[in-house]
Amino acid sequence: MTTGLTALQSIEQQLSAYADSFLVSPYLVIKLSTQQLLLAEQGRVLACYPVSTAVNGAGCEQDSGKTPLGVHCIAEKIGGEADSGTLFRARKNTREIVPVLPPGVYSDRDAITSRILWLKGLEAGKNQGGNVDSYRRYIYIHGTDEEWRLGKPASHGCIRLSNHSVIELYDKVSVNTLLVILA
């Protein structure tokens, strides 16, 4: 991908096709190659967060354990009232607070913590419909108890953020905010 303003302008052109139905600005860019999530608006980066995407790489197939590529939107925001580190199961607040693990300590569960931004694919046959549907695959942006793994692939398909970052991002985006996931 090209860098700087040209890259963001290219992404904005791609997202403009969805402008009538979805919020175009601000928008999100997730780059698997750099393990980063960018919050951008009008050609400039407003925030940059380290993420962990799928250890199995990129892919849209059901049960692949891969992170889907392409244009998505935030379909649902879950957990706005939850404390940092709150564990979610089946998108429900368990009221359990999961501590962040020290470096080198692996979680015995794929903890979904603090907030959930549930993604919906917008490209039919690529990340929407059939066995490639991001929403039916339960692809989220969410917090994790393995914050020390951010910056390298570690998830089962979702996009992991630190608890602090997912809470901050949750407050900056809306349902229907667009995002593009790039290899």
C-alpha atoms as a PDB file:
ATOM      1  CA  MET A   1       0.000   0.000   0.000  1.00  0.00           C
ATOM      2  CA  THR A   2       1.219   3.500  -0.692  1.00  0.00           C
ATOM      3  CA  THR A   3       1.931   5.721   2.258  1.00  0.00           C
ATOM      4  CA  GLY A   4       0.599   8.924   3.712  1.00  0.00           C
ATOM      5  CA  LEU A   5      -2.113  11.108   2.281  1.00  0.00           C
ATOM      6  CA  THR A   6      -2.283   9.261  -1.054  1.00  0.00           C
ATOM      7  CA  ALA A   7      -3.061   5.979   0.704  1.00  0.00           C
ATOM      8  CA  LEU A   8      -5.817   7.512   2.809  1.00  0.00           C
ATOM      9  CA  GLN A   9      -7.299   9.269  -0.226  1.00  0.00           C
ATOM     10  CA  SER A  10      -7.392   5.934  -2.058  1.00  0.00           C
ATOM     11  CA  ILE A  11      -9.190   4.315   0.874  1.00  0.00           C
ATOM     12  CA  GLU A  12     -11.619   7.240   1.096  1.00  0.00           C
ATOM     13  CA  GLN A  13     -12.448   6.811  -2.602  1.00  0.00           C
ATOM     14  CA  GLN A  14     -13.125   3.117  -1.999  1.00  0.00           C
ATOM     15  CA  LEU A  15     -15.376   3.914   0.965  1.00  0.00           C
ATOM     16  CA  SER A  16     -17.214   6.709  -0.863  1.00  0.00           C
ATOM     17  CA  ALA A  17     -19.245   4.071  -2.719  1.00  0.00           C
ATOM     18  CA  TYR A  18     -20.958   3.396   0.619  1.00  0.00           C
ATOM     19  CA  ALA A  19     -21.451   7.053   1.579  1.00  0.00           C
ATOM     20  CA  ASP A  20     -25.200   7.161   0.976  1.00  0.00           C
ATOM     21  CA  SER A  21     -25.911   4.452   3.527  1.00  0.00           C
ATOM     22  CA  PHE A  22     -23.048   4.714   5.990  1.00  0.00           C
ATOM     23  CA  LEU A  23     -20.966   7.244   7.824  1.00  0.00           C
ATOM     24  CA  VAL A  24     -17.783   7.856   5.858  1.00  0.00           C
ATOM     25  CA  SER A  25     -15.969  10.061   8.309  1.00  0.00           C
ATOM     26  CA  PRO A  26     -14.339   9.162  10.564  1.00  0.00           C
ATOM     27  CA  TYR A  27     -13.479   5.689   9.330  1.00  0.00           C
ATOM     28  CA  LEU A  28     -11.184   2.847  10.352  1.00  0.00           C
ATOM     29  CA  VAL A  29      -8.354   1.090   8.542  1.00  0.00           C
ATOM     30  CA  ILE A  30      -6.971  -2.189   9.860  1.00  0.00           C
ATOM     31  CA  LYS A  31      -3.643  -3.265   8.372  1.00  0.00           C
ATOM     32  CA  LEU A  32      -2.734  -6.892   8.971  1.00  0.00           C
ATOM     33  CA  SER A  33       0.817  -6.345   7.661  1.00  0.00           C
ATOM     34  CA  THR A  34       1.594  -3.823  10.398  1.00  0.00           C
ATOM     35  CA  GLN A  35      -0.915  -5.019  13.024  1.00  0.00           C
ATOM     36  CA  GLN A  36      -2.366  -1.510  13.320  1.00  0.00           C
ATOM     37  CA  LEU A  37      -5.799   0.058  13.440  1.00  0.00           C
ATOM     38  CA  LEU A  38      -6.017   3.631  12.179  1.00  0.00           C
ATOM     39  CA  LEU A  39      -8.819   6.046  12.958  1.00  0.00           C
ATOM     40  CA  ALA A  40      -8.821   8.537  10.093  1.00  0.00           C
ATOM     41  CA  GLU A  41     -10.837  11.433   8.755  1.00  0.00           C
ATOM     42  CA  GLN A  42     -10.460  13.614   5.661  1.00  0.00           C
ATOM     43  CA  GLY A  43      -7.076  12.219   4.706  1.00  0.00           C
ATOM     44  CA  ARG A  44      -5.447  12.393   8.133  1.00  0.00           C
ATOM     45  CA  VAL A  45      -4.822   9.870  10.876  1.00  0.00           C
ATOM     46  CA  LEU A  46      -6.509  10.818  14.154  1.00  0.00           C
ATOM     47  CA  ALA A  47      -5.293   7.820  16.162  1.00  0.00           C
ATOM     48  CA  CYS A  48      -3.259   4.667  15.675  1.00  0.00           C
ATOM     49  CA  TYR A  49      -3.627   1.546  17.840  1.00  0.00           C
ATOM     50  CA  PRO A  50      -1.635  -1.705  17.918  1.00  0.00           C
ATOM     51  CA  VAL A  51      -3.838  -4.740  17.313  1.00  0.00           C
ATOM     52  CA  SER A  52      -3.668  -8.499  17.123  1.00  0.00           C
ATOM     53  CA  THR A  53      -5.418 -10.102  14.188  1.00  0.00           C
ATOM     54  CA  ALA A  54      -5.712 -13.804  13.402  1.00  0.00           C
ATOM     55  CA  VAL A  55      -2.767 -16.080  13.956  1.00  0.00           C
ATOM     56  CA  ASN A  56      -4.126 -18.019  10.919  1.00  0.00           C
ATOM     57  CA  GLY A  57      -3.775 -14.954   8.667  1.00  0.00           C
ATOM     58  CA  ALA A  58      -6.318 -13.382   6.338  1.00  0.00           C
ATOM     59  CA  GLY A  59      -9.410 -15.114   5.049  1.00  0.00           C
ATOM     60  CA  CYS A  60     -13.160 -14.838   4.984  1.00  0.00           C
ATOM     61  CA  GLU A  61     -14.319 -18.457   5.221  1.00  0.00           C
ATOM     62  CA  GLN A  62     -16.513 -19.671   8.080  1.00  0.00           C
ATOM     63  CA  ASP A  63     -14.575 -21.634  10.737  1.00  0.00           C
ATOM     64  CA  SER A  64     -11.197 -20.636   9.241  1.00  0.00           C
ATOM     65  CA  GLY A  65      -9.990 -18.728  12.300  1.00  0.00           C
ATOM     66  CA  LYS A  66      -8.833 -16.005   9.894  1.00  0.00           C
ATOM     67  CA  THR A  67      -9.407 -12.244   9.837  1.00  0.00           C
ATOM     68  CA  PRO A  68     -11.648 -11.197   6.924  1.00  0.00           C
ATOM     69  CA  LEU A  69     -10.479  -8.609   4.401  1.00  0.00           C
ATOM     70  CA  GLY A  70     -12.434  -5.866   2.660  1.00  0.00           C
ATOM     71  CA  VAL A  71     -14.981  -3.185   3.457  1.00  0.00           C
ATOM     72  CA  HIS A  72     -17.037  -3.560   6.616  1.00  0.00           C
ATOM     73  CA  CYS A  73     -19.121  -1.388   8.903  1.00  0.00           C
ATOM     74  CA  ILE A  74     -19.750  -1.457  12.619  1.00  0.00           C
ATOM     75  CA  ALA A  75     -23.071  -3.264  12.897  1.00  0.00           C
ATOM     76  CA  GLU A  76     -23.433  -3.169  16.677  1.00  0.00           C
ATOM     77  CA  LYS A  77     -21.725  -1.585  19.675  1.00  0.00           C
ATOM     78  CA  ILE A  78     -21.916  -3.655  22.844  1.00  0.00           C
ATOM     79  CA  GLY A  79     -20.781  -2.953  26.391  1.00  0.00           C
ATOM     80  CA  GLY A  80     -20.731   0.823  26.678  1.00  0.00           C
ATOM     81  CA  GLU A  81     -21.547   0.606  30.370  1.00  0.00           C
ATOM     82  CA  ALA A  82     -19.005  -2.093  31.239  1.00  0.00           C
ATOM     83  CA  ASP A  83     -15.927  -1.600  33.395  1.00  0.00           C
ATOM     84  CA  SER A  84     -12.518  -2.053  31.823  1.00  0.00           C
ATOM     85  CA  GLY A  85     -11.621  -5.731  31.694  1.00  0.00           C
ATOM     86  CA  THR A  86     -15.231  -6.943  31.870  1.00  0.00           C
ATOM     87  CA  LEU A  87     -15.598 -10.385  30.300  1.00  0.00           C
ATOM     88  CA  PHE A  88     -18.277 -10.897  27.640  1.00  0.00           C
ATOM     89  CA  ARG A  89     -19.716 -14.307  26.713  1.00  0.00           C
ATOM     90  CA  ALA A  90     -22.092 -14.547  23.756  1.00  0.00           C
ATOM     91  CA  ARG A  91     -22.082 -10.720  23.757  1.00  0.00           C
ATOM     92  CA  LYS A  92     -23.446 -10.609  27.320  1.00  0.00           C
ATOM     93  CA  ASN A  93     -21.754  -8.803  30.195  1.00  0.00           C
ATOM     94  CA  THR A  94     -20.751 -11.482  32.750  1.00  0.00           C
ATOM     95  CA  ARG A  95     -19.815  -8.823  35.350  1.00  0.00           C
ATOM     96  CA  GLU A  96     -16.518 -10.724  35.768  1.00  0.00           C
ATOM     97  CA  ILE A  97     -13.399  -8.561  35.532  1.00  0.00           C
ATOM     98  CA  VAL A  98     -10.533 -10.351  33.786  1.00  0.00           C
ATOM     99  CA  PRO A  99      -7.054  -9.167  34.790  1.00  0.00           C
ATOM    100  CA  VAL A 100      -4.554  -8.297  32.075  1.00  0.00           C
ATOM    101  CA  LEU A 101      -1.971 -11.066  31.984  1.00  0.00           C
ATOM    102  CA  PRO A 102       1.745 -10.383  32.437  1.00  0.00           C
ATOM    103  CA  PRO A 103       4.063 -10.791  29.425  1.00  0.00           C
ATOM    104  CA  GLY A 104       4.597 -14.416  28.466  1.00  0.00           C
ATOM    105  CA  VAL A 105       1.469 -15.672  30.241  1.00  0.00           C
ATOM    106  CA  TYR A 106      -1.164 -17.020  27.850  1.00  0.00           C
ATOM    107  CA  SER A 107      -4.878 -16.913  28.533  1.00  0.00           C
ATOM    108  CA  ASP A 108      -6.730 -20.191  28.999  1.00  0.00           C
ATOM    109  CA  ARG A 109      -9.642 -18.649  27.064  1.00  0.00           C
ATOM    110  CA  ASP A 110     -10.045 -16.276  24.147  1.00  0.00           C
ATOM    111  CA  ALA A 111     -11.310 -13.502  26.428  1.00  0.00           C
ATOM    112  CA  ILE A 112     -13.497 -10.819  24.880  1.00  0.00           C
ATOM    113  CA  THR A 113     -13.213  -7.872  27.243  1.00  0.00           C
ATOM    114  CA  SER A 114     -14.324  -4.272  27.852  1.00  0.00           C
ATOM    115  CA  ARG A 115     -16.222  -3.480  24.602  1.00  0.00           C
ATOM    116  CA  ILE A 116     -17.402  -5.165  21.400  1.00  0.00           C
ATOM    117  CA  LEU A 117     -17.636  -3.544  17.979  1.00  0.00           C
ATOM    118  CA  TRP A 118     -19.403  -6.216  15.893  1.00  0.00           C
ATOM    119  CA  LEU A 119     -18.483  -6.057  12.207  1.00  0.00           C
ATOM    120  CA  LYS A 120     -20.682  -6.571   9.173  1.00  0.00           C
ATOM    121  CA  GLY A 121     -19.112  -7.238   5.783  1.00  0.00           C
ATOM    122  CA  LEU A 122     -20.388  -5.077   2.918  1.00  0.00           C
ATOM    123  CA  GLU A 123     -18.974  -6.947  -0.069  1.00  0.00           C
ATOM    124  CA  ALA A 124     -21.281  -9.731  -1.270  1.00  0.00           C
ATOM    125  CA  GLY A 125     -19.425 -12.995  -1.815  1.00  0.00           C
ATOM    126  CA  LYS A 126     -16.251 -11.626  -0.196  1.00  0.00           C
ATOM    127  CA  ASN A 127     -17.232 -10.899   3.419  1.00  0.00           C
ATOM    128  CA  GLN A 128     -21.044 -10.900   3.222  1.00  0.00           C
ATOM    129  CA  GLY A 129     -23.375 -13.849   2.672  1.00  0.00           C
ATOM    130  CA  GLY A 130     -22.855 -17.572   2.356  1.00  0.00           C
ATOM    131  CA  ASN A 131     -19.877 -19.068   4.184  1.00  0.00           C
ATOM    132  CA  VAL A 132     -17.922 -15.771   4.151  1.00  0.00           C
ATOM    133  CA  ASP A 133     -20.246 -13.609   6.241  1.00  0.00           C
ATOM    134  CA  SER A 134     -18.247 -11.595   8.810  1.00  0.00           C
ATOM    135  CA  TYR A 135     -21.325 -10.824  10.904  1.00  0.00           C
ATOM    136  CA  ARG A 136     -22.392 -14.482  11.137  1.00  0.00           C
ATOM    137  CA  ARG A 137     -18.771 -15.390  11.898  1.00  0.00           C
ATOM    138  CA  TYR A 138     -18.958 -13.069  14.950  1.00  0.00           C
ATOM    139  CA  ILE A 139     -15.989 -10.959  13.867  1.00  0.00           C
ATOM    140  CA  TYR A 140     -15.435  -8.229  16.454  1.00  0.00           C
ATOM    141  CA  ILE A 141     -13.059  -5.518  17.484  1.00  0.00           C
ATOM    142  CA  HIS A 142     -12.693  -6.156  21.231  1.00  0.00           C
ATOM    143  CA  GLY A 143     -10.457  -5.899  24.259  1.00  0.00           C
ATOM    144  CA  THR A 144      -8.190  -8.720  25.425  1.00  0.00           C
ATOM    145  CA  ASP A 145      -6.493 -10.011  28.554  1.00  0.00           C
ATOM    146  CA  GLU A 146      -3.373 -10.753  26.458  1.00  0.00           C
ATOM    147  CA  GLU A 147      -2.398  -7.138  25.819  1.00  0.00           C
ATOM    148  CA  TRP A 148       1.285  -8.111  25.691  1.00  0.00           C
ATOM    149  CA  ARG A 149       0.559  -9.916  22.381  1.00  0.00           C
ATOM    150  CA  LEU A 150      -0.663  -6.761  20.621  1.00  0.00           C
ATOM    151  CA  GLY A 151       1.396  -5.920  17.556  1.00  0.00           C
ATOM    152  CA  LYS A 152       1.543  -9.511  16.348  1.00  0.00           C
ATOM    153  CA  PRO A 153      -1.102 -12.008  15.172  1.00  0.00           C
ATOM    154  CA  ALA A 154      -2.714 -13.775  18.127  1.00  0.00           C
ATOM    155  CA  SER A 155      -6.504 -13.908  17.652  1.00  0.00           C
ATOM    156  CA  HIS A 156      -8.915 -16.494  16.299  1.00  0.00           C
ATOM    157  CA  GLY A 157     -10.191 -14.071  13.613  1.00  0.00           C
ATOM    158  CA  CYS A 158     -11.227 -10.985  15.548  1.00  0.00           C
ATOM    159  CA  ILE A 159      -9.264  -7.767  15.961  1.00  0.00           C
ATOM    160  CA  ARG A 160      -7.944  -7.402  19.518  1.00  0.00           C
ATOM    161  CA  LEU A 161      -7.129  -4.070  21.154  1.00  0.00           C
ATOM    162  CA  SER A 162      -5.968  -3.159  24.636  1.00  0.00           C
ATOM    163  CA  ASN A 163      -8.829  -2.552  27.036  1.00  0.00           C
ATOM    164  CA  HIS A 164      -8.004   1.142  27.241  1.00  0.00           C
ATOM    165  CA  SER A 165      -7.853   1.480  23.450  1.00  0.00           C
ATOM    166  CA  VAL A 166     -11.113  -0.342  22.730  1.00  0.00           C
ATOM    167  CA  ILE A 167     -12.930   1.828  25.279  1.00  0.00           C
ATOM    168  CA  GLU A 168     -11.445   4.967  23.702  1.00  0.00           C
ATOM    169  CA  LEU A 169     -12.283   3.808  20.170  1.00  0.00           C
ATOM    170  CA  TYR A 170     -15.810   2.765  21.180  1.00  0.00           C
ATOM    171  CA  ASP A 171     -16.526   6.351  22.177  1.00  0.00           C
ATOM    172  CA  LYS A 172     -15.160   7.756  18.885  1.00  0.00           C
ATOM    173  CA  VAL A 173     -17.130   5.627  16.413  1.00  0.00           C
ATOM    174  CA  SER A 174     -20.793   4.936  15.710  1.00  0.00           C
ATOM    175  CA  VAL A 175     -22.895   2.124  14.360  1.00  0.00           C
ATOM    176  CA  ASN A 176     -22.423   2.217  10.557  1.00  0.00           C
ATOM    177  CA  THR A 177     -18.910   3.655  10.772  1.00  0.00           C
ATOM    178  CA  LEU A 178     -17.014   2.223   7.817  1.00  0.00           C
ATOM    179  CA  LEU A 179     -13.780   0.305   8.014  1.00  0.00           C
ATOM    180  CA  VAL A 180     -11.558  -1.485   5.576  1.00  0.00           C
ATOM    181  CA  ILE A 181      -9.367  -4.431   6.498  1.00  0.00           C
ATOM    182  CA  LEU A 182      -6.227  -4.692   4.382  1.00  0.00           C
ATOM    183  CA  ALA A 183      -3.665  -7.514   4.136  1.00  0.00           C
END
